[in-house]
Amino acid sequence: MTQPLISVLMPTINPIEGLRRALESIKKSATHFDAVQILLRVDDDNQQRISELPELEKEFGVTAFIGPRGRGYIEMGQFIDDLMTLAKGRWCWLFDDDAWVEGDWQTQLEKIESGENGPACNSEFYVLGQSHYSNWPNSGPPGLIMPTVICKKLKHSNPVDDQWLSVVRQNNWPVQLLKGVSYFHDGRVR
């Protein structure tokens, strides 16, 4: 395979139903799923999730990094650093395992150049539970997409999505909104 367009970074611990919904939404909304690299970070003591990996690999082509649980969410930065060792895409998408996406994100992302000077990308809309938000004019951190060349240089810290958005703002990069794309999140506000 040539270089993937995007590496989807997804630490996962939530129930399999949410993870499957996330993966199915990425696959369904992709125009060329073969250009999508999906990377899961799985705790080495999560035997249930480890036993599900062969089926997820077969259905979605996932690659898993299996590592120590550590202190859970507090160590999200380390989990992303683990996944960065496997990331090969031009872009990295920090994707929650209790989220899903709708809309043609891939066609738009293919037309945007990524590099040392940004930009970052995000969905036009963010939906948390029953609340719908526009990401215009300032993007929020959930579902942020960053150039891999930048992400590979970071020592990730928690919360990673806030760290990425701080990099964007400190460098005055634009955030390209992917028109008509919605990032839905079942998670809780932090």
N, C-alpha and C. Protein backbone atom coordinates (compact mmCIF):
# COMPACT_ATOMS: atom_id res chain seq x y z
N MET A 1 0.84 -1.17 0.00
CA MET A 1 0.00 0.00 0.00
C MET A 1 0.89 1.24 0.00
N THR A 2 0.48 2.25 -0.74
CA THR A 2 1.16 3.53 -0.69
C THR A 2 0.86 4.19 0.65
N GLN A 3 1.45 5.35 0.87
CA GLN A 3 1.23 6.02 2.14
C GLN A 3 -0.26 6.28 2.34
N PRO A 4 -0.80 5.88 3.50
CA PRO A 4 -2.21 6.16 3.75
C PRO A 4 -2.46 7.67 3.83
N LEU A 5 -3.65 8.07 3.52
CA LEU A 5 -4.03 9.46 3.69
C LEU A 5 -4.05 9.82 5.16
N ILE A 6 -4.60 8.93 5.97
CA ILE A 6 -4.83 9.26 7.37
C ILE A 6 -4.62 8.07 8.28
N SER A 7 -4.06 8.34 9.44
CA SER A 7 -3.95 7.35 10.51
C SER A 7 -4.94 7.76 11.59
N VAL A 8 -5.90 6.90 11.85
CA VAL A 8 -6.90 7.16 12.88
C VAL A 8 -6.36 6.58 14.19
N LEU A 9 -6.17 7.45 15.18
CA LEU A 9 -5.60 7.06 16.47
C LEU A 9 -6.73 6.89 17.47
N MET A 10 -6.91 5.66 17.97
CA MET A 10 -8.06 5.39 18.81
C MET A 10 -7.69 4.50 20.00
N PRO A 11 -7.34 5.11 21.13
CA PRO A 11 -7.24 4.30 22.34
C PRO A 11 -8.63 3.75 22.66
N THR A 12 -8.71 2.50 23.08
CA THR A 12 -10.04 1.91 23.26
C THR A 12 -10.14 1.09 24.53
N ILE A 13 -11.19 1.39 25.26
CA ILE A 13 -11.54 0.62 26.46
C ILE A 13 -13.05 0.48 26.60
N ASN A 14 -13.80 1.35 25.93
CA ASN A 14 -15.26 1.34 26.02
C ASN A 14 -15.84 0.06 25.40
N PRO A 15 -17.10 -0.22 25.68
CA PRO A 15 -17.73 -1.45 25.17
C PRO A 15 -17.60 -1.57 23.64
N ILE A 16 -17.56 -2.82 23.18
CA ILE A 16 -17.34 -3.13 21.77
C ILE A 16 -18.40 -2.50 20.87
N GLU A 17 -19.62 -2.32 21.36
CA GLU A 17 -20.68 -1.75 20.53
C GLU A 17 -20.31 -0.32 20.09
N GLY A 18 -19.78 0.46 21.01
CA GLY A 18 -19.36 1.83 20.67
C GLY A 18 -18.17 1.83 19.73
N LEU A 19 -17.21 0.96 19.98
CA LEU A 19 -16.04 0.87 19.10
C LEU A 19 -16.46 0.46 17.70
N ARG A 20 -17.34 -0.53 17.59
CA ARG A 20 -17.81 -0.96 16.27
C ARG A 20 -18.53 0.17 15.54
N ARG A 21 -19.34 0.92 16.27
CA ARG A 21 -20.04 2.05 15.65
C ARG A 21 -19.03 3.07 15.12
N ALA A 22 -17.99 3.34 15.91
CA ALA A 22 -16.94 4.27 15.47
C ALA A 22 -16.27 3.77 14.20
N LEU A 23 -15.86 2.51 14.20
CA LEU A 23 -15.17 1.95 13.04
C LEU A 23 -16.07 1.88 11.82
N GLU A 24 -17.31 1.46 12.02
CA GLU A 24 -18.25 1.39 10.90
C GLU A 24 -18.50 2.77 10.29
N SER A 25 -18.58 3.79 11.13
CA SER A 25 -18.82 5.14 10.61
C SER A 25 -17.65 5.63 9.77
N ILE A 26 -16.44 5.32 10.21
CA ILE A 26 -15.25 5.72 9.44
C ILE A 26 -15.25 5.01 8.09
N LYS A 27 -15.50 3.72 8.14
CA LYS A 27 -15.50 2.93 6.90
C LYS A 27 -16.62 3.38 5.95
N LYS A 28 -17.81 3.58 6.49
CA LYS A 28 -18.96 3.97 5.66
C LYS A 28 -18.77 5.36 5.06
N SER A 29 -18.19 6.28 5.79
CA SER A 29 -18.05 7.65 5.30
C SER A 29 -16.80 7.86 4.44
N ALA A 30 -15.89 6.90 4.45
CA ALA A 30 -14.68 7.01 3.63
C ALA A 30 -15.01 6.74 2.16
N THR A 31 -14.40 7.53 1.30
CA THR A 31 -14.58 7.29 -0.13
C THR A 31 -13.59 6.26 -0.66
N HIS A 32 -12.44 6.14 0.00
CA HIS A 32 -11.40 5.16 -0.34
C HIS A 32 -10.86 4.60 0.97
N PHE A 33 -11.56 3.62 1.51
CA PHE A 33 -11.21 3.09 2.82
C PHE A 33 -9.81 2.48 2.84
N ASP A 34 -9.32 2.04 1.69
CA ASP A 34 -7.98 1.46 1.64
C ASP A 34 -6.88 2.49 1.94
N ALA A 35 -7.22 3.77 1.96
CA ALA A 35 -6.25 4.82 2.28
C ALA A 35 -6.35 5.25 3.74
N VAL A 36 -7.10 4.47 4.55
CA VAL A 36 -7.30 4.79 5.96
C VAL A 36 -6.59 3.72 6.80
N GLN A 37 -5.73 4.16 7.67
CA GLN A 37 -5.04 3.28 8.62
C GLN A 37 -5.69 3.49 9.98
N ILE A 38 -6.26 2.43 10.56
CA ILE A 38 -6.89 2.54 11.86
C ILE A 38 -6.02 1.86 12.90
N LEU A 39 -5.63 2.63 13.90
CA LEU A 39 -4.74 2.15 14.95
C LEU A 39 -5.46 2.17 16.29
N LEU A 40 -5.52 1.02 16.93
CA LEU A 40 -6.15 0.91 18.25
C LEU A 40 -5.09 0.73 19.32
N ARG A 41 -5.25 1.42 20.43
CA ARG A 41 -4.38 1.23 21.60
C ARG A 41 -5.19 0.44 22.63
N VAL A 42 -4.72 -0.78 22.95
CA VAL A 42 -5.45 -1.71 23.80
C VAL A 42 -4.59 -2.03 25.02
N ASP A 43 -5.21 -2.04 26.19
CA ASP A 43 -4.50 -2.41 27.42
C ASP A 43 -4.19 -3.89 27.42
N ASP A 44 -2.98 -4.25 27.87
CA ASP A 44 -2.56 -5.65 27.84
C ASP A 44 -3.33 -6.54 28.81
N ASP A 45 -4.06 -5.95 29.75
CA ASP A 45 -4.87 -6.77 30.65
C ASP A 45 -6.34 -6.83 30.23
N ASN A 46 -6.66 -6.30 29.06
CA ASN A 46 -8.03 -6.31 28.56
C ASN A 46 -8.20 -7.50 27.61
N GLN A 47 -8.32 -8.67 28.20
CA GLN A 47 -8.39 -9.90 27.41
C GLN A 47 -9.62 -9.93 26.49
N GLN A 48 -10.70 -9.34 26.93
CA GLN A 48 -11.90 -9.29 26.08
C GLN A 48 -11.60 -8.54 24.79
N ARG A 49 -11.01 -7.35 24.89
CA ARG A 49 -10.71 -6.55 23.68
C ARG A 49 -9.66 -7.25 22.83
N ILE A 50 -8.67 -7.83 23.47
CA ILE A 50 -7.62 -8.55 22.72
C ILE A 50 -8.25 -9.69 21.92
N SER A 51 -9.22 -10.39 22.52
CA SER A 51 -9.86 -11.51 21.80
C SER A 51 -10.72 -11.01 20.63
N GLU A 52 -11.14 -9.74 20.65
CA GLU A 52 -11.95 -9.17 19.57
C GLU A 52 -11.10 -8.66 18.40
N LEU A 53 -9.80 -8.52 18.62
CA LEU A 53 -8.94 -7.93 17.60
C LEU A 53 -8.91 -8.68 16.27
N PRO A 54 -8.84 -10.01 16.24
CA PRO A 54 -8.82 -10.68 14.93
C PRO A 54 -10.03 -10.34 14.06
N GLU A 55 -11.21 -10.29 14.66
CA GLU A 55 -12.41 -9.95 13.90
C GLU A 55 -12.37 -8.50 13.44
N LEU A 56 -11.90 -7.59 14.31
CA LEU A 56 -11.79 -6.17 13.94
C LEU A 56 -10.75 -5.97 12.85
N GLU A 57 -9.68 -6.74 12.91
CA GLU A 57 -8.66 -6.66 11.86
C GLU A 57 -9.24 -7.14 10.52
N LYS A 58 -9.97 -8.21 10.56
CA LYS A 58 -10.56 -8.76 9.34
C LYS A 58 -11.58 -7.79 8.73
N GLU A 59 -12.43 -7.22 9.57
CA GLU A 59 -13.51 -6.37 9.08
C GLU A 59 -13.07 -4.94 8.76
N PHE A 60 -12.15 -4.39 9.56
CA PHE A 60 -11.78 -2.98 9.42
C PHE A 60 -10.29 -2.75 9.16
N GLY A 61 -9.51 -3.82 9.11
CA GLY A 61 -8.08 -3.68 8.86
C GLY A 61 -7.32 -2.99 9.97
N VAL A 62 -7.82 -3.06 11.20
CA VAL A 62 -7.17 -2.36 12.30
C VAL A 62 -5.81 -2.98 12.61
N THR A 63 -4.95 -2.14 13.13
CA THR A 63 -3.68 -2.57 13.71
C THR A 63 -3.72 -2.16 15.16
N ALA A 64 -3.29 -3.03 16.05
CA ALA A 64 -3.36 -2.74 17.47
C ALA A 64 -1.97 -2.62 18.08
N PHE A 65 -1.83 -1.67 18.98
CA PHE A 65 -0.68 -1.57 19.86
C PHE A 65 -1.20 -2.01 21.22
N ILE A 66 -0.64 -3.10 21.73
CA ILE A 66 -1.05 -3.62 23.03
C ILE A 66 0.02 -3.25 24.04
N GLY A 67 -0.39 -2.50 25.05
CA GLY A 67 0.56 -2.02 26.04
C GLY A 67 -0.05 -1.95 27.43
N PRO A 68 0.76 -1.60 28.42
CA PRO A 68 0.28 -1.58 29.79
C PRO A 68 -0.82 -0.55 30.02
N ARG A 69 -1.75 -0.89 30.91
CA ARG A 69 -2.87 -0.01 31.24
C ARG A 69 -2.36 1.27 31.89
N GLY A 70 -1.36 1.17 32.70
CA GLY A 70 -0.89 2.36 33.40
C GLY A 70 -1.99 2.89 34.29
N ARG A 71 -2.18 4.21 34.26
CA ARG A 71 -3.17 4.85 35.12
C ARG A 71 -4.41 5.29 34.33
N GLY A 72 -4.69 4.58 33.23
CA GLY A 72 -5.89 4.86 32.45
C GLY A 72 -5.82 6.19 31.72
N TYR A 73 -6.93 6.93 31.76
CA TYR A 73 -7.06 8.16 30.98
C TYR A 73 -5.93 9.15 31.27
N ILE A 74 -5.43 9.14 32.47
CA ILE A 74 -4.34 10.05 32.85
C ILE A 74 -3.13 9.86 31.94
N GLU A 75 -2.98 8.66 31.39
CA GLU A 75 -1.83 8.35 30.55
C GLU A 75 -2.16 8.38 29.06
N MET A 76 -3.21 9.10 28.68
CA MET A 76 -3.60 9.18 27.27
C MET A 76 -2.44 9.66 26.39
N GLY A 77 -1.65 10.59 26.90
CA GLY A 77 -0.50 11.06 26.12
C GLY A 77 0.43 9.91 25.74
N GLN A 78 0.70 9.02 26.68
CA GLN A 78 1.55 7.86 26.39
C GLN A 78 0.88 6.94 25.39
N PHE A 79 -0.44 6.76 25.50
CA PHE A 79 -1.16 5.90 24.57
C PHE A 79 -1.04 6.44 23.14
N ILE A 80 -1.13 7.75 22.99
CA ILE A 80 -1.00 8.35 21.66
C ILE A 80 0.44 8.23 21.18
N ASP A 81 1.41 8.42 22.07
CA ASP A 81 2.81 8.21 21.67
C ASP A 81 3.01 6.79 21.18
N ASP A 82 2.38 5.82 21.85
CA ASP A 82 2.47 4.41 21.41
C ASP A 82 1.94 4.28 19.98
N LEU A 83 0.78 4.87 19.71
CA LEU A 83 0.18 4.76 18.38
C LEU A 83 0.99 5.51 17.33
N MET A 84 1.64 6.59 17.72
CA MET A 84 2.46 7.35 16.77
C MET A 84 3.61 6.51 16.22
N THR A 85 4.05 5.51 16.96
CA THR A 85 5.12 4.64 16.45
C THR A 85 4.64 3.84 15.24
N LEU A 86 3.33 3.68 15.09
CA LEU A 86 2.76 2.90 13.99
C LEU A 86 2.16 3.77 12.89
N ALA A 87 1.95 5.05 13.16
CA ALA A 87 1.23 5.94 12.24
C ALA A 87 2.04 6.18 10.97
N LYS A 88 1.38 5.96 9.82
CA LYS A 88 2.03 6.13 8.52
C LYS A 88 1.30 7.12 7.62
N GLY A 89 0.14 7.59 8.04
CA GLY A 89 -0.66 8.49 7.21
C GLY A 89 -0.06 9.89 7.12
N ARG A 90 -0.52 10.66 6.13
CA ARG A 90 -0.14 12.08 6.04
C ARG A 90 -0.77 12.88 7.16
N TRP A 91 -1.93 12.41 7.60
CA TRP A 91 -2.70 13.06 8.65
C TRP A 91 -2.90 12.10 9.81
N CYS A 92 -3.11 12.65 11.01
CA CYS A 92 -3.51 11.87 12.18
C CYS A 92 -4.83 12.41 12.69
N TRP A 93 -5.74 11.51 12.96
CA TRP A 93 -7.07 11.87 13.44
C TRP A 93 -7.25 11.26 14.81
N LEU A 94 -7.37 12.10 15.82
CA LEU A 94 -7.62 11.63 17.18
C LEU A 94 -9.11 11.36 17.30
N PHE A 95 -9.48 10.09 17.41
CA PHE A 95 -10.87 9.66 17.31
C PHE A 95 -11.25 8.89 18.57
N ASP A 96 -12.30 9.33 19.24
CA ASP A 96 -12.77 8.65 20.45
C ASP A 96 -13.47 7.35 20.10
N ASP A 97 -13.31 6.35 20.96
CA ASP A 97 -13.96 5.06 20.69
C ASP A 97 -15.44 5.06 21.06
N ASP A 98 -15.95 6.21 21.49
CA ASP A 98 -17.38 6.37 21.71
C ASP A 98 -17.93 7.51 20.85
N ALA A 99 -17.33 7.66 19.68
CA ALA A 99 -17.72 8.71 18.73
C ALA A 99 -18.03 8.07 17.39
N TRP A 100 -18.60 8.86 16.50
CA TRP A 100 -18.80 8.43 15.11
C TRP A 100 -18.85 9.65 14.23
N VAL A 101 -18.66 9.43 12.95
CA VAL A 101 -18.58 10.53 11.99
C VAL A 101 -19.59 10.32 10.87
N GLU A 102 -20.12 11.43 10.38
CA GLU A 102 -20.99 11.40 9.20
C GLU A 102 -20.54 12.50 8.26
N GLY A 103 -20.61 12.23 6.97
CA GLY A 103 -20.25 13.22 5.96
C GLY A 103 -18.99 12.83 5.22
N ASP A 104 -18.78 13.43 4.08
CA ASP A 104 -17.65 13.12 3.20
C ASP A 104 -16.41 13.90 3.64
N TRP A 105 -15.72 13.37 4.62
CA TRP A 105 -14.50 14.01 5.12
C TRP A 105 -13.31 13.70 4.21
N GLN A 106 -13.27 12.50 3.62
CA GLN A 106 -12.07 12.05 2.93
C GLN A 106 -11.80 12.82 1.64
N THR A 107 -12.82 13.04 0.83
CA THR A 107 -12.62 13.77 -0.42
C THR A 107 -12.05 15.16 -0.16
N GLN A 108 -12.55 15.82 0.88
CA GLN A 108 -12.05 17.15 1.22
C GLN A 108 -10.63 17.09 1.75
N LEU A 109 -10.35 16.13 2.62
CA LEU A 109 -9.03 16.02 3.22
C LEU A 109 -7.96 15.70 2.17
N GLU A 110 -8.32 14.93 1.16
CA GLU A 110 -7.37 14.59 0.09
C GLU A 110 -6.86 15.82 -0.63
N LYS A 111 -7.63 16.90 -0.64
CA LYS A 111 -7.27 18.12 -1.37
C LYS A 111 -6.46 19.11 -0.54
N ILE A 112 -6.26 18.81 0.74
CA ILE A 112 -5.56 19.74 1.63
C ILE A 112 -4.14 19.24 1.85
N GLU A 113 -3.17 20.11 1.61
CA GLU A 113 -1.77 19.77 1.84
C GLU A 113 -1.46 19.83 3.33
N SER A 114 -0.77 18.84 3.84
CA SER A 114 -0.35 18.83 5.25
C SER A 114 1.15 19.04 5.30
N GLY A 115 1.61 19.64 6.38
CA GLY A 115 3.05 19.84 6.51
C GLY A 115 3.44 20.51 7.81
N GLU A 116 4.67 20.96 7.83
CA GLU A 116 5.26 21.57 9.03
C GLU A 116 4.50 22.82 9.49
N ASN A 117 3.81 23.48 8.59
CA ASN A 117 3.11 24.71 8.92
C ASN A 117 1.59 24.53 8.92
N GLY A 118 1.16 23.32 9.26
CA GLY A 118 -0.26 23.06 9.33
C GLY A 118 -0.83 22.82 7.95
N PRO A 119 -2.09 23.01 7.78
CA PRO A 119 -3.08 23.42 8.76
C PRO A 119 -3.55 22.22 9.57
N ALA A 120 -4.47 22.46 10.49
CA ALA A 120 -5.22 21.39 11.13
C ALA A 120 -6.58 21.34 10.44
N CYS A 121 -7.30 20.25 10.63
CA CYS A 121 -8.63 20.11 10.06
C CYS A 121 -9.58 19.60 11.14
N ASN A 122 -10.85 19.86 10.92
CA ASN A 122 -11.86 19.35 11.84
C ASN A 122 -13.20 19.32 11.12
N SER A 123 -14.13 18.63 11.71
CA SER A 123 -15.48 18.58 11.16
C SER A 123 -16.13 19.95 11.26
N GLU A 124 -17.09 20.19 10.39
CA GLU A 124 -17.81 21.46 10.45
C GLU A 124 -18.68 21.53 11.71
N PHE A 125 -19.15 20.36 12.16
CA PHE A 125 -20.05 20.32 13.32
C PHE A 125 -19.55 19.30 14.34
N TYR A 126 -19.77 19.63 15.60
CA TYR A 126 -19.49 18.74 16.72
C TYR A 126 -20.80 18.52 17.46
N VAL A 127 -21.15 17.25 17.70
CA VAL A 127 -22.40 16.92 18.35
C VAL A 127 -22.08 16.11 19.60
N LEU A 128 -22.43 16.67 20.76
CA LEU A 128 -22.22 16.01 22.05
C LEU A 128 -23.60 15.75 22.65
N GLY A 129 -23.98 14.48 22.68
CA GLY A 129 -25.33 14.14 23.16
C GLY A 129 -26.37 14.81 22.28
N GLN A 130 -27.23 15.61 22.88
CA GLN A 130 -28.28 16.32 22.15
C GLN A 130 -27.85 17.72 21.72
N SER A 131 -26.63 18.11 22.05
CA SER A 131 -26.16 19.47 21.74
C SER A 131 -25.37 19.48 20.44
N HIS A 132 -25.75 20.39 19.53
CA HIS A 132 -25.08 20.53 18.24
C HIS A 132 -24.31 21.85 18.24
N TYR A 133 -23.03 21.78 17.88
CA TYR A 133 -22.18 22.96 17.86
C TYR A 133 -21.56 23.12 16.47
N SER A 134 -21.38 24.35 16.07
CA SER A 134 -20.64 24.64 14.84
C SER A 134 -19.18 24.83 15.23
N ASN A 135 -18.27 24.30 14.46
CA ASN A 135 -16.84 24.50 14.71
C ASN A 135 -16.33 25.80 14.09
N TRP A 136 -17.21 26.57 13.49
CA TRP A 136 -16.82 27.83 12.88
C TRP A 136 -17.10 28.96 13.85
N PRO A 137 -16.30 30.00 14.00
CA PRO A 137 -15.03 30.24 13.31
C PRO A 137 -13.84 29.60 14.00
N ASN A 138 -13.99 29.20 15.28
CA ASN A 138 -12.88 28.58 16.02
C ASN A 138 -13.20 27.13 16.28
N SER A 139 -12.32 26.27 15.88
CA SER A 139 -12.52 24.84 16.06
C SER A 139 -12.33 24.46 17.52
N GLY A 140 -13.06 23.44 17.94
CA GLY A 140 -12.82 22.85 19.25
C GLY A 140 -11.89 21.66 19.10
N PRO A 141 -11.43 21.11 20.21
CA PRO A 141 -10.47 20.01 20.13
C PRO A 141 -11.02 18.64 19.72
N PRO A 142 -12.29 18.27 20.03
CA PRO A 142 -12.71 16.91 19.70
C PRO A 142 -12.66 16.62 18.20
N GLY A 143 -12.09 15.46 17.87
CA GLY A 143 -12.03 15.03 16.48
C GLY A 143 -11.04 15.77 15.62
N LEU A 144 -10.07 16.45 16.23
CA LEU A 144 -9.10 17.24 15.48
C LEU A 144 -8.21 16.34 14.61
N ILE A 145 -7.86 16.85 13.44
CA ILE A 145 -6.99 16.15 12.48
C ILE A 145 -5.75 17.01 12.29
N MET A 146 -4.58 16.41 12.50
CA MET A 146 -3.32 17.14 12.44
C MET A 146 -2.35 16.49 11.45
N PRO A 147 -1.41 17.28 10.89
CA PRO A 147 -0.37 16.68 10.06
C PRO A 147 0.48 15.71 10.88
N THR A 148 0.69 14.53 10.36
CA THR A 148 1.47 13.52 11.08
C THR A 148 2.89 14.00 11.36
N VAL A 149 3.47 14.75 10.43
CA VAL A 149 4.83 15.23 10.63
C VAL A 149 4.95 16.05 11.92
N ILE A 150 3.90 16.76 12.30
CA ILE A 150 3.89 17.52 13.54
C ILE A 150 3.68 16.60 14.73
N CYS A 151 2.70 15.69 14.62
CA CYS A 151 2.38 14.78 15.72
C CYS A 151 3.56 13.90 16.11
N LYS A 152 4.36 13.51 15.12
CA LYS A 152 5.52 12.66 15.40
C LYS A 152 6.56 13.39 16.25
N LYS A 153 6.56 14.71 16.23
CA LYS A 153 7.54 15.49 16.99
C LYS A 153 7.11 15.77 18.43
N LEU A 154 5.84 15.55 18.73
CA LEU A 154 5.32 15.89 20.05
C LEU A 154 5.58 14.79 21.07
N LYS A 155 5.84 15.21 22.30
CA LYS A 155 5.75 14.31 23.45
C LYS A 155 4.36 14.58 23.98
N HIS A 156 3.44 13.67 23.75
CA HIS A 156 2.04 13.92 24.02
C HIS A 156 1.75 13.96 25.52
N SER A 157 0.86 14.88 25.88
CA SER A 157 0.41 15.01 27.26
C SER A 157 -1.11 15.04 27.28
N ASN A 158 -1.66 14.89 28.43
CA ASN A 158 -3.09 14.79 28.58
C ASN A 158 -3.71 16.13 28.96
N PRO A 159 -4.83 16.50 28.37
CA PRO A 159 -5.58 15.86 27.30
C PRO A 159 -4.96 16.17 25.93
N VAL A 160 -4.78 15.15 25.15
CA VAL A 160 -4.07 15.25 23.88
C VAL A 160 -4.78 16.19 22.91
N ASP A 161 -6.10 16.10 22.85
CA ASP A 161 -6.81 16.97 21.89
C ASP A 161 -6.61 18.44 22.22
N ASP A 162 -6.56 18.78 23.50
CA ASP A 162 -6.27 20.17 23.89
C ASP A 162 -4.83 20.55 23.54
N GLN A 163 -3.91 19.61 23.71
CA GLN A 163 -2.51 19.87 23.35
C GLN A 163 -2.40 20.16 21.86
N TRP A 164 -3.06 19.36 21.03
CA TRP A 164 -3.01 19.58 19.59
C TRP A 164 -3.58 20.94 19.24
N LEU A 165 -4.72 21.30 19.83
CA LEU A 165 -5.32 22.59 19.53
C LEU A 165 -4.42 23.73 20.01
N SER A 166 -3.71 23.55 21.11
CA SER A 166 -2.75 24.56 21.57
C SER A 166 -1.63 24.77 20.56
N VAL A 167 -1.15 23.69 19.97
CA VAL A 167 -0.12 23.79 18.92
C VAL A 167 -0.65 24.62 17.76
N VAL A 168 -1.88 24.34 17.36
CA VAL A 168 -2.51 25.08 16.25
C VAL A 168 -2.57 26.56 16.58
N ARG A 169 -3.05 26.89 17.76
CA ARG A 169 -3.23 28.29 18.14
C ARG A 169 -1.90 29.01 18.35
N GLN A 170 -0.93 28.33 18.96
CA GLN A 170 0.38 28.95 19.17
C GLN A 170 1.07 29.29 17.85
N ASN A 171 0.81 28.50 16.83
CA ASN A 171 1.43 28.71 15.53
C ASN A 171 0.55 29.49 14.56
N ASN A 172 -0.61 29.92 15.03
CA ASN A 172 -1.56 30.67 14.19
C ASN A 172 -1.91 29.95 12.90
N TRP A 173 -2.04 28.62 12.98
CA TRP A 173 -2.44 27.86 11.82
C TRP A 173 -3.94 27.99 11.62
N PRO A 174 -4.37 27.96 10.39
CA PRO A 174 -5.82 27.89 10.17
C PRO A 174 -6.32 26.48 10.48
N VAL A 175 -7.59 26.40 10.78
CA VAL A 175 -8.25 25.10 10.91
C VAL A 175 -9.23 25.01 9.74
N GLN A 176 -8.96 24.08 8.85
CA GLN A 176 -9.82 23.85 7.70
C GLN A 176 -11.01 23.00 8.16
N LEU A 177 -12.19 23.56 8.04
CA LEU A 177 -13.38 22.80 8.41
C LEU A 177 -13.84 21.95 7.24
N LEU A 178 -14.14 20.71 7.52
CA LEU A 178 -14.61 19.78 6.50
C LEU A 178 -16.12 19.95 6.39
N LYS A 179 -16.54 20.59 5.33
CA LYS A 179 -17.93 21.00 5.15
C LYS A 179 -18.88 19.81 5.12
N GLY A 180 -19.97 19.95 5.86
CA GLY A 180 -21.00 18.92 5.90
C GLY A 180 -20.64 17.71 6.74
N VAL A 181 -19.50 17.77 7.44
CA VAL A 181 -19.06 16.64 8.25
C VAL A 181 -19.41 16.91 9.72
N SER A 182 -19.97 15.90 10.37
CA SER A 182 -20.32 15.99 11.79
C SER A 182 -19.59 14.91 12.56
N TYR A 183 -19.02 15.32 13.69
CA TYR A 183 -18.35 14.41 14.62
C TYR A 183 -19.26 14.28 15.84
N PHE A 184 -19.82 13.10 16.02
CA PHE A 184 -20.74 12.82 17.12
C PHE A 184 -19.97 12.16 18.26
N HIS A 185 -20.28 12.57 19.49
CA HIS A 185 -19.54 12.04 20.64
C HIS A 185 -20.51 11.70 21.76
N ASP A 186 -20.45 10.47 22.23
CA ASP A 186 -21.28 10.05 23.36
C ASP A 186 -20.61 10.35 24.70
N GLY A 187 -19.38 10.79 24.66
CA GLY A 187 -18.61 11.00 25.88
C GLY A 187 -19.15 12.14 26.72
N ARG A 188 -18.47 12.36 27.84
CA ARG A 188 -18.87 13.43 28.74
C ARG A 188 -17.94 14.63 28.53
N VAL A 189 -18.44 15.78 28.85
CA VAL A 189 -17.63 16.99 28.76
C VAL A 189 -16.58 16.93 29.87
N ARG A 190 -15.34 17.28 29.53
CA ARG A 190 -14.26 17.28 30.52
C ARG A 190 -14.10 18.68 31.08
